[in-house]
Amino acid sequence: MDIIYLHDLKIECIIGIWEWERRIKQTIIIDLDMAADIRHAAASDKIEDTLNYKAVSKRLIDFVGTSQFQLVETLAEKVAELLLAEFKIQWVRVRINKKGAVRGAGDVGIIIEREKA
């Protein structure tokens, strides 16, 4: 499989377990690595034959921006489920960075990998 990636996608959302976190939007940063066979797209040179990463980013901005999960673990799982269900990919690595969640740490987050069953 080939990898199409989308990194450093910043989205504002409600995320967190603390009461103050439930009242404000925080910026999370998402990195995606998505496995797809791009040979047909390379031969046809047509966007409809590949994974449209702009469509992926728009869908995630809508989904994540309106979500209100407590845990980044839940958000990562739901993002992976959505991508596998709605786009022509076989596997995805989702990295979510909740920058500033821990004092003194530059980055805090989770990385998961999921594939189609």
N, C-alpha and C. Protein backbone atom coordinates (compact mmCIF):
# COMPACT_ATOMS: atom_id res chain seq x y z
N MET A 1 0.84 -1.20 0.00
CA MET A 1 0.00 0.00 0.00
C MET A 1 0.87 1.25 0.00
N ASP A 2 0.34 2.26 -0.58
CA ASP A 2 1.00 3.56 -0.61
C ASP A 2 0.44 4.39 0.55
N ILE A 3 1.17 5.40 0.95
CA ILE A 3 0.76 6.24 2.07
C ILE A 3 0.48 7.66 1.56
N ILE A 4 -0.74 8.10 1.81
CA ILE A 4 -1.09 9.50 1.61
C ILE A 4 -1.17 10.11 3.00
N TYR A 5 -0.50 11.22 3.20
CA TYR A 5 -0.49 11.78 4.55
C TYR A 5 -1.04 13.19 4.58
N LEU A 6 -1.54 13.52 5.74
CA LEU A 6 -2.06 14.86 6.03
C LEU A 6 -1.59 15.16 7.45
N HIS A 7 -0.67 16.09 7.58
CA HIS A 7 -0.07 16.38 8.88
C HIS A 7 -0.33 17.82 9.31
N ASP A 8 -0.32 18.01 10.60
CA ASP A 8 -0.39 19.34 11.20
C ASP A 8 -1.73 20.03 10.94
N LEU A 9 -2.81 19.23 10.92
CA LEU A 9 -4.16 19.78 10.76
C LEU A 9 -4.64 20.27 12.12
N LYS A 10 -4.81 21.58 12.23
CA LYS A 10 -5.22 22.18 13.50
C LYS A 10 -6.73 22.38 13.50
N ILE A 11 -7.37 21.88 14.57
CA ILE A 11 -8.82 21.99 14.68
C ILE A 11 -9.17 22.40 16.11
N GLU A 12 -10.08 23.34 16.22
CA GLU A 12 -10.59 23.78 17.52
C GLU A 12 -11.75 22.87 17.92
N CYS A 13 -11.72 22.36 19.15
CA CYS A 13 -12.81 21.51 19.63
C CYS A 13 -12.87 21.52 21.15
N ILE A 14 -13.95 21.00 21.65
CA ILE A 14 -14.08 20.79 23.10
C ILE A 14 -13.52 19.42 23.39
N ILE A 15 -12.50 19.36 24.22
CA ILE A 15 -11.85 18.08 24.58
C ILE A 15 -11.29 18.21 25.98
N GLY A 16 -11.53 17.22 26.79
CA GLY A 16 -10.95 17.23 28.12
C GLY A 16 -11.90 16.74 29.19
N ILE A 17 -11.31 16.41 30.33
CA ILE A 17 -12.08 15.86 31.45
C ILE A 17 -12.43 16.89 32.50
N TRP A 18 -11.71 18.01 32.51
CA TRP A 18 -11.92 19.00 33.55
C TRP A 18 -13.07 19.94 33.18
N GLU A 19 -13.74 20.41 34.19
CA GLU A 19 -14.92 21.27 33.99
C GLU A 19 -14.59 22.49 33.14
N TRP A 20 -13.44 23.11 33.37
CA TRP A 20 -13.06 24.29 32.59
C TRP A 20 -12.83 23.96 31.13
N GLU A 21 -12.37 22.71 30.86
CA GLU A 21 -12.14 22.28 29.47
C GLU A 21 -13.45 22.09 28.71
N ARG A 22 -14.51 21.84 29.42
CA ARG A 22 -15.81 21.61 28.80
C ARG A 22 -16.46 22.92 28.36
N ARG A 23 -15.89 24.06 28.79
CA ARG A 23 -16.46 25.37 28.48
C ARG A 23 -15.73 26.11 27.38
N ILE A 24 -14.56 25.61 26.97
CA ILE A 24 -13.77 26.32 25.96
C ILE A 24 -13.36 25.37 24.83
N LYS A 25 -13.03 25.97 23.71
CA LYS A 25 -12.46 25.17 22.62
C LYS A 25 -10.94 25.24 22.73
N GLN A 26 -10.33 24.08 22.51
CA GLN A 26 -8.87 23.99 22.52
C GLN A 26 -8.41 23.53 21.13
N THR A 27 -7.20 23.87 20.79
CA THR A 27 -6.66 23.44 19.51
C THR A 27 -5.98 22.10 19.67
N ILE A 28 -6.39 21.16 18.84
CA ILE A 28 -5.68 19.89 18.75
C ILE A 28 -5.01 19.84 17.38
N ILE A 29 -3.98 19.05 17.28
CA ILE A 29 -3.25 18.91 16.02
C ILE A 29 -3.31 17.44 15.61
N ILE A 30 -3.77 17.20 14.39
CA ILE A 30 -3.93 15.83 13.89
C ILE A 30 -2.95 15.57 12.76
N ASP A 31 -2.27 14.43 12.86
CA ASP A 31 -1.44 13.91 11.77
C ASP A 31 -2.06 12.60 11.33
N LEU A 32 -2.23 12.43 10.02
CA LEU A 32 -2.79 11.20 9.46
C LEU A 32 -1.83 10.60 8.45
N ASP A 33 -1.66 9.30 8.52
CA ASP A 33 -1.01 8.51 7.47
C ASP A 33 -2.05 7.50 7.04
N MET A 34 -2.42 7.50 5.74
CA MET A 34 -3.51 6.66 5.25
C MET A 34 -3.02 5.79 4.10
N ALA A 35 -3.28 4.50 4.19
CA ALA A 35 -2.83 3.56 3.17
C ALA A 35 -3.89 3.41 2.09
N ALA A 36 -3.47 3.64 0.86
CA ALA A 36 -4.34 3.49 -0.30
C ALA A 36 -3.47 3.10 -1.49
N ASP A 37 -4.06 2.39 -2.43
CA ASP A 37 -3.35 2.02 -3.65
C ASP A 37 -3.54 3.17 -4.64
N ILE A 38 -2.48 3.88 -4.95
CA ILE A 38 -2.59 5.06 -5.81
C ILE A 38 -2.21 4.79 -7.27
N ARG A 39 -1.96 3.55 -7.62
CA ARG A 39 -1.52 3.26 -8.98
C ARG A 39 -2.54 3.68 -10.03
N HIS A 40 -3.82 3.42 -9.78
CA HIS A 40 -4.86 3.79 -10.75
C HIS A 40 -4.90 5.32 -10.90
N ALA A 41 -4.83 6.03 -9.79
CA ALA A 41 -4.83 7.50 -9.85
C ALA A 41 -3.60 8.03 -10.58
N ALA A 42 -2.47 7.41 -10.35
CA ALA A 42 -1.25 7.84 -11.03
C ALA A 42 -1.37 7.64 -12.54
N ALA A 43 -2.03 6.57 -12.94
CA ALA A 43 -2.20 6.30 -14.37
C ALA A 43 -3.23 7.22 -15.01
N SER A 44 -4.32 7.49 -14.30
CA SER A 44 -5.40 8.31 -14.87
C SER A 44 -5.16 9.80 -14.70
N ASP A 45 -4.42 10.17 -13.66
CA ASP A 45 -4.16 11.58 -13.33
C ASP A 45 -5.46 12.32 -13.01
N LYS A 46 -6.41 11.61 -12.38
CA LYS A 46 -7.71 12.19 -12.04
C LYS A 46 -7.92 12.13 -10.53
N ILE A 47 -8.40 13.24 -9.96
CA ILE A 47 -8.60 13.34 -8.51
C ILE A 47 -9.61 12.31 -8.01
N GLU A 48 -10.62 11.99 -8.82
CA GLU A 48 -11.63 11.03 -8.36
C GLU A 48 -11.10 9.61 -8.23
N ASP A 49 -9.89 9.37 -8.70
CA ASP A 49 -9.29 8.04 -8.60
C ASP A 49 -8.32 7.91 -7.42
N THR A 50 -8.25 8.92 -6.60
CA THR A 50 -7.33 8.88 -5.47
C THR A 50 -8.04 9.30 -4.19
N LEU A 51 -7.32 9.30 -3.12
CA LEU A 51 -7.84 9.79 -1.84
C LEU A 51 -7.68 11.31 -1.85
N ASN A 52 -8.78 12.01 -1.80
CA ASN A 52 -8.77 13.47 -1.84
C ASN A 52 -8.51 13.99 -0.43
N TYR A 53 -7.30 14.40 -0.15
CA TYR A 53 -6.96 14.83 1.21
C TYR A 53 -7.65 16.13 1.60
N LYS A 54 -8.08 16.93 0.63
CA LYS A 54 -8.87 18.11 0.97
C LYS A 54 -10.25 17.68 1.50
N ALA A 55 -10.84 16.67 0.87
CA ALA A 55 -12.12 16.14 1.36
C ALA A 55 -11.96 15.54 2.75
N VAL A 56 -10.84 14.87 2.98
CA VAL A 56 -10.56 14.31 4.31
C VAL A 56 -10.47 15.42 5.34
N SER A 57 -9.71 16.47 5.02
CA SER A 57 -9.55 17.55 5.99
C SER A 57 -10.87 18.26 6.26
N LYS A 58 -11.67 18.52 5.25
CA LYS A 58 -12.97 19.17 5.45
C LYS A 58 -13.87 18.32 6.34
N ARG A 59 -13.88 17.02 6.09
CA ARG A 59 -14.72 16.12 6.89
C ARG A 59 -14.27 16.11 8.35
N LEU A 60 -12.96 16.09 8.56
CA LEU A 60 -12.45 16.08 9.93
C LEU A 60 -12.68 17.41 10.64
N ILE A 61 -12.53 18.51 9.94
CA ILE A 61 -12.79 19.82 10.55
C ILE A 61 -14.23 19.88 11.03
N ASP A 62 -15.15 19.38 10.21
CA ASP A 62 -16.57 19.36 10.59
C ASP A 62 -16.81 18.41 11.77
N PHE A 63 -16.30 17.19 11.67
CA PHE A 63 -16.54 16.18 12.71
C PHE A 63 -15.89 16.56 14.04
N VAL A 64 -14.61 16.82 14.00
CA VAL A 64 -13.87 17.12 15.23
C VAL A 64 -14.32 18.46 15.82
N GLY A 65 -14.56 19.44 14.95
CA GLY A 65 -14.96 20.76 15.42
C GLY A 65 -16.27 20.79 16.17
N THR A 66 -17.13 19.82 15.90
CA THR A 66 -18.42 19.75 16.60
C THR A 66 -18.45 18.67 17.67
N SER A 67 -17.35 17.95 17.83
CA SER A 67 -17.30 16.87 18.83
C SER A 67 -17.09 17.45 20.23
N GLN A 68 -17.39 16.61 21.23
CA GLN A 68 -17.18 17.03 22.62
C GLN A 68 -16.73 15.84 23.45
N PHE A 69 -15.69 15.16 23.01
CA PHE A 69 -15.18 14.01 23.75
C PHE A 69 -14.38 14.46 24.95
N GLN A 70 -14.30 13.58 25.93
CA GLN A 70 -13.48 13.85 27.10
C GLN A 70 -12.04 13.43 26.87
N LEU A 71 -11.84 12.29 26.23
CA LEU A 71 -10.51 11.73 26.06
C LEU A 71 -10.01 11.83 24.62
N VAL A 72 -8.72 12.11 24.46
CA VAL A 72 -8.14 12.09 23.12
C VAL A 72 -8.15 10.66 22.57
N GLU A 73 -8.14 9.67 23.45
CA GLU A 73 -8.22 8.28 23.02
C GLU A 73 -9.53 8.02 22.26
N THR A 74 -10.62 8.55 22.81
CA THR A 74 -11.93 8.38 22.16
C THR A 74 -11.96 9.12 20.84
N LEU A 75 -11.46 10.34 20.84
CA LEU A 75 -11.43 11.13 19.61
C LEU A 75 -10.62 10.42 18.54
N ALA A 76 -9.46 9.90 18.88
CA ALA A 76 -8.62 9.19 17.91
C ALA A 76 -9.35 7.98 17.33
N GLU A 77 -10.00 7.22 18.19
CA GLU A 77 -10.73 6.03 17.75
C GLU A 77 -11.86 6.41 16.79
N LYS A 78 -12.59 7.45 17.11
CA LYS A 78 -13.71 7.89 16.27
C LYS A 78 -13.22 8.45 14.94
N VAL A 79 -12.10 9.15 14.96
CA VAL A 79 -11.51 9.65 13.71
C VAL A 79 -11.11 8.48 12.82
N ALA A 80 -10.46 7.48 13.38
CA ALA A 80 -10.05 6.30 12.60
C ALA A 80 -11.27 5.59 12.03
N GLU A 81 -12.30 5.39 12.84
CA GLU A 81 -13.52 4.73 12.37
C GLU A 81 -14.15 5.50 11.21
N LEU A 82 -14.25 6.80 11.34
CA LEU A 82 -14.83 7.64 10.30
C LEU A 82 -14.04 7.53 9.00
N LEU A 83 -12.73 7.64 9.08
CA LEU A 83 -11.90 7.59 7.88
C LEU A 83 -11.99 6.25 7.18
N LEU A 84 -11.95 5.16 7.94
CA LEU A 84 -12.04 3.83 7.34
C LEU A 84 -13.41 3.57 6.72
N ALA A 85 -14.45 4.13 7.30
CA ALA A 85 -15.80 3.92 6.80
C ALA A 85 -16.12 4.79 5.58
N GLU A 86 -15.61 6.01 5.55
CA GLU A 86 -16.05 6.96 4.54
C GLU A 86 -15.08 7.17 3.37
N PHE A 87 -13.85 6.72 3.52
CA PHE A 87 -12.87 6.96 2.46
C PHE A 87 -12.24 5.63 2.02
N LYS A 88 -11.70 5.63 0.80
CA LYS A 88 -11.12 4.42 0.23
C LYS A 88 -9.70 4.20 0.75
N ILE A 89 -9.62 3.84 2.03
CA ILE A 89 -8.33 3.52 2.63
C ILE A 89 -8.44 2.18 3.33
N GLN A 90 -7.31 1.51 3.45
CA GLN A 90 -7.27 0.20 4.08
C GLN A 90 -6.73 0.24 5.50
N TRP A 91 -5.98 1.30 5.80
CA TRP A 91 -5.29 1.41 7.08
C TRP A 91 -5.07 2.89 7.36
N VAL A 92 -5.06 3.23 8.65
CA VAL A 92 -4.80 4.62 9.03
C VAL A 92 -4.01 4.69 10.33
N ARG A 93 -3.09 5.63 10.38
CA ARG A 93 -2.41 5.98 11.62
C ARG A 93 -2.89 7.39 11.98
N VAL A 94 -3.46 7.52 13.18
CA VAL A 94 -3.97 8.80 13.65
C VAL A 94 -3.12 9.24 14.83
N ARG A 95 -2.57 10.44 14.73
CA ARG A 95 -1.80 11.02 15.83
C ARG A 95 -2.51 12.30 16.23
N ILE A 96 -2.91 12.37 17.50
CA ILE A 96 -3.56 13.57 18.00
C ILE A 96 -2.68 14.17 19.09
N ASN A 97 -2.36 15.44 18.90
CA ASN A 97 -1.52 16.18 19.82
C ASN A 97 -2.39 17.21 20.53
N LYS A 98 -2.47 17.10 21.84
CA LYS A 98 -3.18 18.08 22.67
C LYS A 98 -2.11 18.94 23.34
N LYS A 99 -1.50 19.77 22.54
CA LYS A 99 -0.37 20.61 22.97
C LYS A 99 -0.75 21.38 24.23
N GLY A 100 0.14 21.40 25.19
CA GLY A 100 -0.09 22.18 26.39
C GLY A 100 -0.92 21.48 27.45
N ALA A 101 -1.26 20.21 27.25
CA ALA A 101 -2.09 19.49 28.22
C ALA A 101 -1.33 19.20 29.52
N VAL A 102 -0.02 19.10 29.42
CA VAL A 102 0.80 18.82 30.61
C VAL A 102 1.86 19.92 30.72
N ARG A 103 1.86 20.59 31.84
CA ARG A 103 2.83 21.66 32.06
C ARG A 103 4.25 21.11 31.92
N GLY A 104 5.04 21.82 31.13
CA GLY A 104 6.43 21.43 30.93
C GLY A 104 6.66 20.52 29.74
N ALA A 105 5.60 19.95 29.18
CA ALA A 105 5.74 19.07 28.02
C ALA A 105 5.36 19.83 26.76
N GLY A 106 6.16 19.67 25.74
CA GLY A 106 5.87 20.34 24.47
C GLY A 106 4.70 19.72 23.74
N ASP A 107 4.65 18.41 23.72
CA ASP A 107 3.60 17.67 23.02
C ASP A 107 3.06 16.58 23.92
N VAL A 108 1.74 16.39 23.87
CA VAL A 108 1.08 15.31 24.59
C VAL A 108 0.00 14.77 23.70
N GLY A 109 -0.12 13.46 23.60
CA GLY A 109 -1.18 12.94 22.75
C GLY A 109 -1.17 11.43 22.63
N ILE A 110 -1.68 10.98 21.52
CA ILE A 110 -1.85 9.56 21.29
C ILE A 110 -1.62 9.25 19.81
N ILE A 111 -1.15 8.05 19.54
CA ILE A 111 -1.03 7.54 18.18
C ILE A 111 -1.71 6.17 18.16
N ILE A 112 -2.66 6.01 17.22
CA ILE A 112 -3.27 4.69 17.04
C ILE A 112 -3.18 4.29 15.58
N GLU A 113 -3.22 3.00 15.32
CA GLU A 113 -3.27 2.47 13.97
C GLU A 113 -4.44 1.52 13.88
N ARG A 114 -5.24 1.67 12.82
CA ARG A 114 -6.40 0.80 12.60
C ARG A 114 -6.46 0.42 11.15
N GLU A 115 -7.05 -0.75 10.88
CA GLU A 115 -7.22 -1.19 9.50
C GLU A 115 -8.64 -1.71 9.31
N LYS A 116 -9.04 -1.77 8.05
CA LYS A 116 -10.37 -2.31 7.73
C LYS A 116 -10.41 -3.78 8.09
N ALA A 117 -11.52 -4.17 8.63
CA ALA A 117 -11.68 -5.59 9.03
C ALA A 117 -11.92 -6.46 7.83
